[in-house]
Amino acid sequence: MNNLPPLEDLHLFCTVARNRSFIVTAKELGVSPAYVSKRIALLEGALQVRLLHRTTRHVGLNEEGETVLRWAQRILEDAEQMTEAISTTKMTPRGLLRISTSEGFGRKCIGPALSRLALSHPSLHIQLELFTRPVDLIAEGFDLDLTVGGEPQPNLIVKRIKGNARVLCAAPAYVAKRGMPAGIDDLEKHDCIVVRERDQSFGIWKLGGPGDVETVRVSGPLSCSNGEIATQWALDGHGIILRSTWDVGEKLSEGSLVRVLPEYQQDAPISAVYPIRLTESAKVRVCVEFLQHWFGTVP
C-alpha cells in the first residue's frame, strides 16, 4: 500500500470511535464537524474501505472499522513510545557510546578519563577503539572522535577540549653529540625521527615561530607509525622528535628530553569531533562535558 494514512488521521479515527459522534469529536479536538468528516473520508480512501456506519445521530464501527481501530491504537502507542525513547536519548546518557582516537593518546589520556566517566554513568556502555589512521566517523559508526590537531571531515562538529602543542625535543646525549640546531633550516641536517600518525604529514613539519608558519622537510634513519616508539627512540639518543606536550611534558620536566628550537611549536589542540549537535544525544554531550572538565583539571 503506497498511500499510508497519516498518524493524525488515525488519532482522529480513534477519537470518533470512542465518542461515536463527529460533532462530539469536533468539539473535543477544536475543529469543525466538516473537517472531521473530510479526514475520515480521506482515511477510508487511503485504506480503500468503509470504516463506519453513519446515521443522523450516531456513528458506529463496522467490521473493517473494528480491525482498523485495533491496529490504529497499536500504531499510535508504538509512535508514542518511540517519541519517549528519542526524548530519553536526548536527556539521559545511556546505551552504547563508540569513541575513536589515536593509539598513544588513547592509552595515556583517554583511557583513564573514560574509566572515571564509566564509574559516574553506569548506564553507558563505552567502546573505545584506537587507530593510527584517520577515522571516517559516520561511515564507521562512531559517536565521537577525539583528535590531537588535524583537519576534521566536512559536515562534522568540532569542539575544542584543551589547548595543546607539539614541540621539538631530543635527548641530552643526542644534543651533546650532534649539537643544537641554530635555526629551523638546520633540522634538515639532523637526524629526525619521523612519525606517520593520523593527521601528520610524513616527513613534513609545519611549525609556528617568531614569524609565519614555516615548513621544513626532515628525515632520519628511524621512522615509524607509533608515537610511543618514536619517543623511546628519542630518549635513546637517536634524534629529534616532534611530539605533543601531553606526551613529553614529564620527560622535559625531569630532563630526559630537552627542548630544541623552543621558539617553534606546532599548534595541535585536543578536540572532540561528532556528527550531531550535543542537544540531540545525551551520551555524547555528557562525555564531551566530562572530558572538558577532566582536561581542565589535569596538567
C-alpha atoms as a PDB file:
ATOM      1  CA  MET A   1       0.000   0.000   0.000  1.00  0.00           C
ATOM      2  CA  ASN A   2       1.601   3.212  -1.183  1.00  0.00           C
ATOM      3  CA  ASN A   3      -0.861   5.679   0.342  1.00  0.00           C
ATOM      4  CA  LEU A   4      -0.244   5.207   4.063  1.00  0.00           C
ATOM      5  CA  PRO A   5      -2.595   7.098   6.405  1.00  0.00           C
ATOM      6  CA  PRO A   6      -1.159   9.951   8.496  1.00  0.00           C
ATOM      7  CA  LEU A   7      -0.889   9.383  12.246  1.00  0.00           C
ATOM      8  CA  GLU A   8      -3.170  12.375  12.920  1.00  0.00           C
ATOM      9  CA  ASP A   9      -5.953  10.746  10.885  1.00  0.00           C
ATOM     10  CA  LEU A  10      -5.563   7.507  12.856  1.00  0.00           C
ATOM     11  CA  HIS A  11      -5.759   9.530  16.069  1.00  0.00           C
ATOM     12  CA  LEU A  12      -8.897  11.323  14.844  1.00  0.00           C
ATOM     13  CA  PHE A  13     -10.462   7.986  13.837  1.00  0.00           C
ATOM     14  CA  CYS A  14      -9.817   6.544  17.306  1.00  0.00           C
ATOM     15  CA  THR A  15     -11.452   9.604  18.859  1.00  0.00           C
ATOM     16  CA  VAL A  16     -14.512   9.228  16.596  1.00  0.00           C
ATOM     17  CA  ALA A  17     -14.721   5.544  17.517  1.00  0.00           C
ATOM     18  CA  ARG A  18     -14.606   6.432  21.221  1.00  0.00           C
ATOM     19  CA  ASN A  19     -17.165   9.253  21.000  1.00  0.00           C
ATOM     20  CA  ARG A  20     -19.341   7.625  18.308  1.00  0.00           C
ATOM     21  CA  SER A  21     -20.038  11.118  17.038  1.00  0.00           C
ATOM     22  CA  PHE A  22     -18.471  13.552  14.576  1.00  0.00           C
ATOM     23  CA  ILE A  23     -19.908  16.517  16.461  1.00  0.00           C
ATOM     24  CA  VAL A  24     -18.557  15.469  19.889  1.00  0.00           C
ATOM     25  CA  THR A  25     -15.174  14.661  18.309  1.00  0.00           C
ATOM     26  CA  ALA A  26     -15.069  18.053  16.598  1.00  0.00           C
ATOM     27  CA  LYS A  27     -15.725  19.832  19.907  1.00  0.00           C
ATOM     28  CA  GLU A  28     -13.065  17.765  21.700  1.00  0.00           C
ATOM     29  CA  LEU A  29     -10.434  18.473  19.075  1.00  0.00           C
ATOM     30  CA  GLY A  30     -11.416  22.090  18.445  1.00  0.00           C
ATOM     31  CA  VAL A  31     -12.245  21.607  14.765  1.00  0.00           C
ATOM     32  CA  SER A  32     -15.399  21.650  12.670  1.00  0.00           C
ATOM     33  CA  PRO A  33     -17.593  18.577  12.086  1.00  0.00           C
ATOM     34  CA  ALA A  34     -16.981  19.061   8.355  1.00  0.00           C
ATOM     35  CA  TYR A  35     -13.234  18.738   8.957  1.00  0.00           C
ATOM     36  CA  VAL A  36     -13.763  15.504  10.909  1.00  0.00           C
ATOM     37  CA  SER A  37     -15.937  14.119   8.133  1.00  0.00           C
ATOM     38  CA  LYS A  38     -13.379  15.075   5.480  1.00  0.00           C
ATOM     39  CA  ARG A  39     -10.453  13.445   7.345  1.00  0.00           C
ATOM     40  CA  ILE A  40     -12.411  10.232   7.901  1.00  0.00           C
ATOM     41  CA  ALA A  41     -13.274  10.159   4.192  1.00  0.00           C
ATOM     42  CA  LEU A  42      -9.594  10.602   3.319  1.00  0.00           C
ATOM     43  CA  LEU A  43      -8.654   7.793   5.711  1.00  0.00           C
ATOM     44  CA  GLU A  44     -11.211   5.498   4.136  1.00  0.00           C
ATOM     45  CA  GLY A  45      -9.891   6.464   0.717  1.00  0.00           C
ATOM     46  CA  ALA A  46      -6.305   5.691   1.750  1.00  0.00           C
ATOM     47  CA  LEU A  47      -7.331   2.293   3.129  1.00  0.00           C
ATOM     48  CA  GLN A  48      -9.860   1.729   0.301  1.00  0.00           C
ATOM     49  CA  VAL A  49     -12.528   0.519   2.707  1.00  0.00           C
ATOM     50  CA  ARG A  50     -15.539   1.876   4.593  1.00  0.00           C
ATOM     51  CA  LEU A  51     -14.949   2.038   8.343  1.00  0.00           C
ATOM     52  CA  LEU A  52     -18.147   3.445   9.841  1.00  0.00           C
ATOM     53  CA  HIS A  53     -21.918   3.002   9.916  1.00  0.00           C
ATOM     54  CA  ARG A  54     -23.357   6.544   9.845  1.00  0.00           C
ATOM     55  CA  THR A  55     -26.840   7.603  10.955  1.00  0.00           C
ATOM     56  CA  THR A  56     -28.219  11.070  11.648  1.00  0.00           C
ATOM     57  CA  ARG A  57     -27.451  10.677  15.375  1.00  0.00           C
ATOM     58  CA  HIS A  58     -24.743   8.093  15.786  1.00  0.00           C
ATOM     59  CA  VAL A  59     -21.586   6.752  14.198  1.00  0.00           C
ATOM     60  CA  GLY A  60     -20.636   3.107  14.673  1.00  0.00           C
ATOM     61  CA  LEU A  61     -17.798   0.887  13.579  1.00  0.00           C
ATOM     62  CA  ASN A  62     -18.304  -1.844  11.021  1.00  0.00           C
ATOM     63  CA  GLU A  63     -16.191  -4.998  10.964  1.00  0.00           C
ATOM     64  CA  GLU A  64     -13.390  -3.344   8.981  1.00  0.00           C
ATOM     65  CA  GLY A  65     -13.531  -0.353  11.331  1.00  0.00           C
ATOM     66  CA  GLU A  66     -13.042  -2.614  14.362  1.00  0.00           C
ATOM     67  CA  THR A  67      -9.943  -4.112  12.725  1.00  0.00           C
ATOM     68  CA  VAL A  68      -8.531  -0.703  11.830  1.00  0.00           C
ATOM     69  CA  LEU A  69      -9.226   0.566  15.367  1.00  0.00           C
ATOM     70  CA  ARG A  70      -7.151  -2.219  16.928  1.00  0.00           C
ATOM     71  CA  TRP A  71      -4.239  -1.549  14.571  1.00  0.00           C
ATOM     72  CA  ALA A  72      -4.518   2.226  14.920  1.00  0.00           C
ATOM     73  CA  GLN A  73      -4.363   2.018  18.717  1.00  0.00           C
ATOM     74  CA  ARG A  74      -1.276  -0.199  18.481  1.00  0.00           C
ATOM     75  CA  ILE A  75       0.411   2.092  15.938  1.00  0.00           C
ATOM     76  CA  LEU A  76      -0.282   5.224  17.978  1.00  0.00           C
ATOM     77  CA  GLU A  77       1.018   3.565  21.138  1.00  0.00           C
ATOM     78  CA  ASP A  78       4.217   2.498  19.327  1.00  0.00           C
ATOM     79  CA  ALA A  79       4.657   6.021  17.959  1.00  0.00           C
ATOM     80  CA  GLU A  80       4.269   7.459  21.458  1.00  0.00           C
ATOM     81  CA  GLN A  81       6.820   5.018  22.859  1.00  0.00           C
ATOM     82  CA  MET A  82       9.215   5.893  20.021  1.00  0.00           C
ATOM     83  CA  THR A  83       8.887   9.592  20.854  1.00  0.00           C
ATOM     84  CA  GLU A  84       9.522   8.870  24.528  1.00  0.00           C
ATOM     85  CA  ALA A  85      12.587   6.771  23.648  1.00  0.00           C
ATOM     86  CA  ILE A  86      14.015   9.555  21.489  1.00  0.00           C
ATOM     87  CA  SER A  87      13.340  12.070  24.234  1.00  0.00           C
ATOM     88  CA  THR A  88      15.115   9.814  26.721  1.00  0.00           C
ATOM     89  CA  THR A  89      18.084   9.526  24.358  1.00  0.00           C
ATOM     90  CA  LYS A  90      18.336  13.305  24.306  1.00  0.00           C
ATOM     91  CA  MET A  91      18.044  13.676  28.091  1.00  0.00           C
ATOM     92  CA  THR A  92      19.582  10.561  29.681  1.00  0.00           C
ATOM     93  CA  PRO A  93      23.113   9.256  28.955  1.00  0.00           C
ATOM     94  CA  ARG A  94      22.657   5.575  28.229  1.00  0.00           C
ATOM     95  CA  GLY A  95      23.431   2.883  25.677  1.00  0.00           C
ATOM     96  CA  LEU A  96      26.495   2.220  23.533  1.00  0.00           C
ATOM     97  CA  LEU A  97      28.968   5.088  23.101  1.00  0.00           C
ATOM     98  CA  ARG A  98      31.580   4.371  20.406  1.00  0.00           C
ATOM     99  CA  ILE A  99      34.691   6.529  20.635  1.00  0.00           C
ATOM    100  CA  SER A 100      37.780   6.592  18.428  1.00  0.00           C
ATOM    101  CA  THR A 101      41.150   8.240  18.996  1.00  0.00           C
ATOM    102  CA  SER A 102      44.862   7.742  18.303  1.00  0.00           C
ATOM    103  CA  GLU A 103      46.826   4.942  19.974  1.00  0.00           C
ATOM    104  CA  GLY A 104      49.201   6.744  22.331  1.00  0.00           C
ATOM    105  CA  PHE A 105      46.751   9.480  23.265  1.00  0.00           C
ATOM    106  CA  GLY A 106      44.065   6.883  23.872  1.00  0.00           C
ATOM    107  CA  ARG A 107      46.203   4.785  26.177  1.00  0.00           C
ATOM    108  CA  LYS A 108      47.768   7.610  28.146  1.00  0.00           C
ATOM    109  CA  CYS A 109      44.968  10.178  28.378  1.00  0.00           C
ATOM    110  CA  ILE A 110      41.574   8.983  27.121  1.00  0.00           C
ATOM    111  CA  GLY A 111      41.565   5.521  28.703  1.00  0.00           C
ATOM    112  CA  PRO A 112      41.944   6.824  32.282  1.00  0.00           C
ATOM    113  CA  ALA A 113      39.368   9.556  31.647  1.00  0.00           C
ATOM    114  CA  LEU A 114      36.767   7.123  30.312  1.00  0.00           C
ATOM    115  CA  SER A 115      37.360   4.839  33.274  1.00  0.00           C
ATOM    116  CA  ARG A 116      36.254   7.654  35.569  1.00  0.00           C
ATOM    117  CA  LEU A 117      33.326   8.520  33.252  1.00  0.00           C
ATOM    118  CA  ALA A 118      32.113   4.897  33.380  1.00  0.00           C
ATOM    119  CA  LEU A 119      32.038   4.998  37.179  1.00  0.00           C
ATOM    120  CA  SER A 120      29.870   8.125  37.072  1.00  0.00           C
ATOM    121  CA  HIS A 121      27.482   6.831  34.392  1.00  0.00           C
ATOM    122  CA  PRO A 122      26.949   3.051  34.689  1.00  0.00           C
ATOM    123  CA  SER A 123      24.174   3.158  32.053  1.00  0.00           C
ATOM    124  CA  LEU A 124      26.767   3.988  29.409  1.00  0.00           C
ATOM    125  CA  HIS A 125      28.433   1.146  27.521  1.00  0.00           C
ATOM    126  CA  ILE A 126      31.698   2.674  26.317  1.00  0.00           C
ATOM    127  CA  GLN A 127      33.585   1.201  23.378  1.00  0.00           C
ATOM    128  CA  LEU A 128      36.990   2.823  22.751  1.00  0.00           C
ATOM    129  CA  GLU A 129      38.941   1.997  19.581  1.00  0.00           C
ATOM    130  CA  LEU A 130      42.482   3.201  18.875  1.00  0.00           C
ATOM    131  CA  PHE A 131      43.841   3.916  15.392  1.00  0.00           C
ATOM    132  CA  THR A 132      46.989   5.154  13.692  1.00  0.00           C
ATOM    133  CA  ARG A 133      44.877   6.335  10.723  1.00  0.00           C
ATOM    134  CA  PRO A 134      42.143   8.947  10.306  1.00  0.00           C
ATOM    135  CA  VAL A 135      38.622   7.673  11.022  1.00  0.00           C
ATOM    136  CA  ASP A 136      35.516   8.210   8.892  1.00  0.00           C
ATOM    137  CA  LEU A 137      33.206   8.942  11.797  1.00  0.00           C
ATOM    138  CA  ILE A 138      29.887   8.450  10.003  1.00  0.00           C
ATOM    139  CA  ALA A 139      30.818   5.573   7.692  1.00  0.00           C
ATOM    140  CA  GLU A 140      32.415   3.607  10.551  1.00  0.00           C
ATOM    141  CA  GLY A 141      29.606   4.292  13.015  1.00  0.00           C
ATOM    142  CA  PHE A 142      31.442   6.205  15.739  1.00  0.00           C
ATOM    143  CA  ASP A 143      29.648   8.680  18.003  1.00  0.00           C
ATOM    144  CA  LEU A 144      32.767  10.654  18.854  1.00  0.00           C
ATOM    145  CA  ASP A 145      36.341  11.075  17.640  1.00  0.00           C
ATOM    146  CA  LEU A 146      38.946  12.602  19.946  1.00  0.00           C
ATOM    147  CA  THR A 147      41.675  14.246  17.915  1.00  0.00           C
ATOM    148  CA  VAL A 148      45.010  15.928  18.537  1.00  0.00           C
ATOM    149  CA  GLY A 149      45.395  18.558  15.828  1.00  0.00           C
ATOM    150  CA  GLY A 150      44.430  17.675  12.280  1.00  0.00           C
ATOM    151  CA  GLU A 151      41.674  18.744   9.933  1.00  0.00           C
ATOM    152  CA  PRO A 152      38.190  17.282  10.582  1.00  0.00           C
ATOM    153  CA  GLN A 153      35.940  15.851   7.907  1.00  0.00           C
ATOM    154  CA  PRO A 154      33.394  18.197   6.341  1.00  0.00           C
ATOM    155  CA  ASN A 155      29.950  18.477   7.964  1.00  0.00           C
ATOM    156  CA  LEU A 156      31.236  17.441  11.396  1.00  0.00           C
ATOM    157  CA  ILE A 157      31.107  19.485  14.598  1.00  0.00           C
ATOM    158  CA  VAL A 158      34.401  20.254  16.333  1.00  0.00           C
ATOM    159  CA  LYS A 159      34.577  21.313  19.975  1.00  0.00           C
ATOM    160  CA  ARG A 160      37.934  22.304  21.444  1.00  0.00           C
ATOM    161  CA  ILE A 161      38.640  20.383  24.641  1.00  0.00           C
ATOM    162  CA  LYS A 162      42.067  21.725  25.595  1.00  0.00           C
ATOM    163  CA  GLY A 163      44.943  23.608  24.046  1.00  0.00           C
ATOM    164  CA  ASN A 164      47.978  21.547  23.113  1.00  0.00           C
ATOM    165  CA  ALA A 165      51.161  21.991  21.100  1.00  0.00           C
ATOM    166  CA  ARG A 166      53.703  19.685  19.544  1.00  0.00           C
ATOM    167  CA  VAL A 167      57.273  20.670  20.420  1.00  0.00           C
ATOM    168  CA  LEU A 168      60.708  19.732  19.178  1.00  0.00           C
ATOM    169  CA  CYS A 169      62.867  17.792  21.626  1.00  0.00           C
ATOM    170  CA  ALA A 170      65.761  15.405  21.853  1.00  0.00           C
ATOM    171  CA  ALA A 171      67.821  13.550  24.457  1.00  0.00           C
ATOM    172  CA  PRO A 172      70.744  15.465  26.027  1.00  0.00           C
ATOM    173  CA  ALA A 173      73.062  12.767  24.653  1.00  0.00           C
ATOM    174  CA  TYR A 174      71.962  13.490  21.092  1.00  0.00           C
ATOM    175  CA  VAL A 175      72.440  17.263  21.540  1.00  0.00           C
ATOM    176  CA  ALA A 176      75.881  16.683  23.040  1.00  0.00           C
ATOM    177  CA  LYS A 177      76.875  14.538  20.043  1.00  0.00           C
ATOM    178  CA  ARG A 178      75.291  16.489  17.184  1.00  0.00           C
ATOM    179  CA  GLY A 179      74.867  19.982  18.608  1.00  0.00           C
ATOM    180  CA  MET A 180      71.767  22.161  18.977  1.00  0.00           C
ATOM    181  CA  PRO A 181      70.169  23.405  15.750  1.00  0.00           C
ATOM    182  CA  ALA A 182      70.588  27.169  15.390  1.00  0.00           C
ATOM    183  CA  GLY A 183      67.525  27.633  13.180  1.00  0.00           C
ATOM    184  CA  ILE A 184      64.667  25.741  11.625  1.00  0.00           C
ATOM    185  CA  ASP A 185      66.603  25.098   8.397  1.00  0.00           C
ATOM    186  CA  ASP A 186      69.230  23.231  10.414  1.00  0.00           C
ATOM    187  CA  LEU A 187      66.670  20.455  11.062  1.00  0.00           C
ATOM    188  CA  GLU A 188      67.303  19.192   7.534  1.00  0.00           C
ATOM    189  CA  LYS A 189      70.889  18.380   8.589  1.00  0.00           C
ATOM    190  CA  HIS A 190      69.872  16.481  11.727  1.00  0.00           C
ATOM    191  CA  ASP A 191      68.517  13.010  12.367  1.00  0.00           C
ATOM    192  CA  CYS A 192      64.777  13.493  12.875  1.00  0.00           C
ATOM    193  CA  ILE A 193      62.532  10.659  13.986  1.00  0.00           C
ATOM    194  CA  VAL A 194      59.519  10.850  11.681  1.00  0.00           C
ATOM    195  CA  VAL A 195      56.092   9.598  12.759  1.00  0.00           C
ATOM    196  CA  ARG A 196      53.214   8.792  10.425  1.00  0.00           C
ATOM    197  CA  GLU A 197      50.357   9.114  12.900  1.00  0.00           C
ATOM    198  CA  ARG A 198      46.812  10.029  11.891  1.00  0.00           C
ATOM    199  CA  ASP A 199      46.894  13.650  10.687  1.00  0.00           C
ATOM    200  CA  GLN A 200      50.655  14.167  10.496  1.00  0.00           C
ATOM    201  CA  SER A 201      52.254  14.552   7.055  1.00  0.00           C
ATOM    202  CA  PHE A 202      55.123  12.097   6.792  1.00  0.00           C
ATOM    203  CA  GLY A 203      58.459  13.912   6.854  1.00  0.00           C
ATOM    204  CA  ILE A 204      56.998  17.424   6.670  1.00  0.00           C
ATOM    205  CA  TRP A 205      56.871  19.550   9.820  1.00  0.00           C
ATOM    206  CA  LYS A 206      54.887  22.787   9.848  1.00  0.00           C
ATOM    207  CA  LEU A 207      55.990  24.928  12.766  1.00  0.00           C
ATOM    208  CA  GLY A 208      54.836  28.262  14.089  1.00  0.00           C
ATOM    209  CA  GLY A 209      57.620  30.525  15.254  1.00  0.00           C
ATOM    210  CA  PRO A 210      58.593  34.163  15.581  1.00  0.00           C
ATOM    211  CA  GLY A 211      57.167  34.886  12.127  1.00  0.00           C
ATOM    212  CA  ASP A 212      54.714  32.978   9.950  1.00  0.00           C
ATOM    213  CA  VAL A 213      54.273  29.204   9.955  1.00  0.00           C
ATOM    214  CA  GLU A 214      57.324  27.611   8.364  1.00  0.00           C
ATOM    215  CA  THR A 215      57.586  24.239   6.683  1.00  0.00           C
ATOM    216  CA  VAL A 216      60.661  22.037   6.794  1.00  0.00           C
ATOM    217  CA  ARG A 217      61.247  18.611   5.269  1.00  0.00           C
ATOM    218  CA  VAL A 218      63.002  16.275   7.691  1.00  0.00           C
ATOM    219  CA  SER A 219      64.411  12.773   7.566  1.00  0.00           C
ATOM    220  CA  GLY A 220      66.490  10.324   9.553  1.00  0.00           C
ATOM    221  CA  PRO A 221      67.442   6.668   9.784  1.00  0.00           C
ATOM    222  CA  LEU A 222      64.463   5.849  12.021  1.00  0.00           C
ATOM    223  CA  SER A 223      60.745   6.359  11.360  1.00  0.00           C
ATOM    224  CA  CYS A 224      57.574   4.607  12.467  1.00  0.00           C
ATOM    225  CA  SER A 225      53.794   4.859  12.792  1.00  0.00           C
ATOM    226  CA  ASN A 226      53.733   4.785  16.589  1.00  0.00           C
ATOM    227  CA  GLY A 227      54.436   7.864  18.691  1.00  0.00           C
ATOM    228  CA  GLU A 228      55.403   5.932  21.808  1.00  0.00           C
ATOM    229  CA  ILE A 229      58.113   4.065  19.926  1.00  0.00           C
ATOM    230  CA  ALA A 230      59.370   7.313  18.400  1.00  0.00           C
ATOM    231  CA  THR A 231      59.548   8.910  21.850  1.00  0.00           C
ATOM    232  CA  GLN A 232      61.552   5.983  23.192  1.00  0.00           C
ATOM    233  CA  TRP A 233      63.949   6.229  20.245  1.00  0.00           C
ATOM    234  CA  ALA A 234      64.446   9.894  21.065  1.00  0.00           C
ATOM    235  CA  LEU A 235      65.133   9.008  24.714  1.00  0.00           C
ATOM    236  CA  ASP A 236      67.729   6.515  23.437  1.00  0.00           C
ATOM    237  CA  GLY A 237      69.503   9.380  21.658  1.00  0.00           C
ATOM    238  CA  HIS A 238      68.611   8.581  18.033  1.00  0.00           C
ATOM    239  CA  GLY A 239      67.358  12.011  17.000  1.00  0.00           C
ATOM    240  CA  ILE A 240      64.889  14.887  17.260  1.00  0.00           C
ATOM    241  CA  ILE A 241      61.149  14.308  17.573  1.00  0.00           C
ATOM    242  CA  LEU A 242      58.048  16.496  17.227  1.00  0.00           C
ATOM    243  CA  ARG A 243      55.682  15.370  19.972  1.00  0.00           C
ATOM    244  CA  SER A 244      52.742  16.727  21.930  1.00  0.00           C
ATOM    245  CA  THR A 245      53.275  18.271  25.332  1.00  0.00           C
ATOM    246  CA  TRP A 246      50.817  15.764  26.829  1.00  0.00           C
ATOM    247  CA  ASP A 247      53.237  13.038  25.721  1.00  0.00           C
ATOM    248  CA  VAL A 248      56.665  14.508  26.548  1.00  0.00           C
ATOM    249  CA  GLY A 249      55.869  17.097  29.233  1.00  0.00           C
ATOM    250  CA  GLU A 250      57.051  14.917  32.119  1.00  0.00           C
ATOM    251  CA  LYS A 251      60.238  13.918  30.268  1.00  0.00           C
ATOM    252  CA  LEU A 252      61.040  17.563  29.608  1.00  0.00           C
ATOM    253  CA  SER A 253      60.439  18.388  33.269  1.00  0.00           C
ATOM    254  CA  GLU A 254      62.750  15.622  34.500  1.00  0.00           C
ATOM    255  CA  GLY A 255      65.425  16.426  31.896  1.00  0.00           C
ATOM    256  CA  SER A 256      65.476  13.128  30.000  1.00  0.00           C
ATOM    257  CA  LEU A 257      64.464  15.222  26.966  1.00  0.00           C
ATOM    258  CA  VAL A 258      65.305  18.864  26.221  1.00  0.00           C
ATOM    259  CA  ARG A 259      63.558  21.383  24.003  1.00  0.00           C
ATOM    260  CA  VAL A 260      65.060  22.035  20.587  1.00  0.00           C
ATOM    261  CA  LEU A 261      64.343  25.430  18.989  1.00  0.00           C
ATOM    262  CA  PRO A 262      61.920  26.310  21.820  1.00  0.00           C
ATOM    263  CA  GLU A 263      60.636  29.341  19.904  1.00  0.00           C
ATOM    264  CA  TYR A 264      58.986  26.949  17.430  1.00  0.00           C
ATOM    265  CA  GLN A 265      55.976  24.698  18.002  1.00  0.00           C
ATOM    266  CA  GLN A 266      53.016  23.189  16.171  1.00  0.00           C
ATOM    267  CA  ASP A 267      49.507  24.034  17.378  1.00  0.00           C
ATOM    268  CA  ALA A 268      47.608  20.757  17.916  1.00  0.00           C
ATOM    269  CA  PRO A 269      44.558  21.308  20.151  1.00  0.00           C
ATOM    270  CA  ILE A 270      42.715  18.382  21.681  1.00  0.00           C
ATOM    271  CA  SER A 271      39.228  18.352  20.169  1.00  0.00           C
ATOM    272  CA  ALA A 272      36.015  16.347  20.245  1.00  0.00           C
ATOM    273  CA  VAL A 273      34.554  15.703  16.789  1.00  0.00           C
ATOM    274  CA  TYR A 274      30.996  14.442  16.374  1.00  0.00           C
ATOM    275  CA  PRO A 275      28.275  14.329  13.673  1.00  0.00           C
ATOM    276  CA  ILE A 276      25.229  15.682  15.560  1.00  0.00           C
ATOM    277  CA  ARG A 277      24.549  18.535  17.961  1.00  0.00           C
ATOM    278  CA  LEU A 278      25.117  17.802  21.640  1.00  0.00           C
ATOM    279  CA  THR A 279      21.464  18.607  22.367  1.00  0.00           C
ATOM    280  CA  GLU A 280      20.499  15.582  20.254  1.00  0.00           C
ATOM    281  CA  SER A 281      22.495  12.983  22.210  1.00  0.00           C
ATOM    282  CA  ALA A 282      22.834  12.899  25.975  1.00  0.00           C
ATOM    283  CA  LYS A 283      25.601  10.277  25.890  1.00  0.00           C
ATOM    284  CA  VAL A 284      27.827  12.361  23.600  1.00  0.00           C
ATOM    285  CA  ARG A 285      27.052  15.574  25.488  1.00  0.00           C
ATOM    286  CA  VAL A 286      27.906  14.065  28.866  1.00  0.00           C
ATOM    287  CA  CYS A 287      31.150  12.599  27.518  1.00  0.00           C
ATOM    288  CA  VAL A 288      32.289  15.872  25.930  1.00  0.00           C
ATOM    289  CA  GLU A 289      31.439  17.895  29.050  1.00  0.00           C
ATOM    290  CA  PHE A 290      33.231  15.355  31.245  1.00  0.00           C
ATOM    291  CA  LEU A 291      36.370  15.476  29.076  1.00  0.00           C
ATOM    292  CA  GLN A 292      36.374  19.272  29.165  1.00  0.00           C
ATOM    293  CA  HIS A 293      36.324  19.123  32.960  1.00  0.00           C
ATOM    294  CA  TRP A 294      38.876  16.275  33.061  1.00  0.00           C
ATOM    295  CA  PHE A 295      41.424  18.023  30.868  1.00  0.00           C
ATOM    296  CA  GLY A 296      40.768  21.265  32.694  1.00  0.00           C
ATOM    297  CA  THR A 297      41.914  19.721  35.984  1.00  0.00           C
ATOM    298  CA  VAL A 298      44.849  17.524  34.865  1.00  0.00           C
ATOM    299  CA  PRO A 299      48.250  19.011  33.976  1.00  0.00           C
END
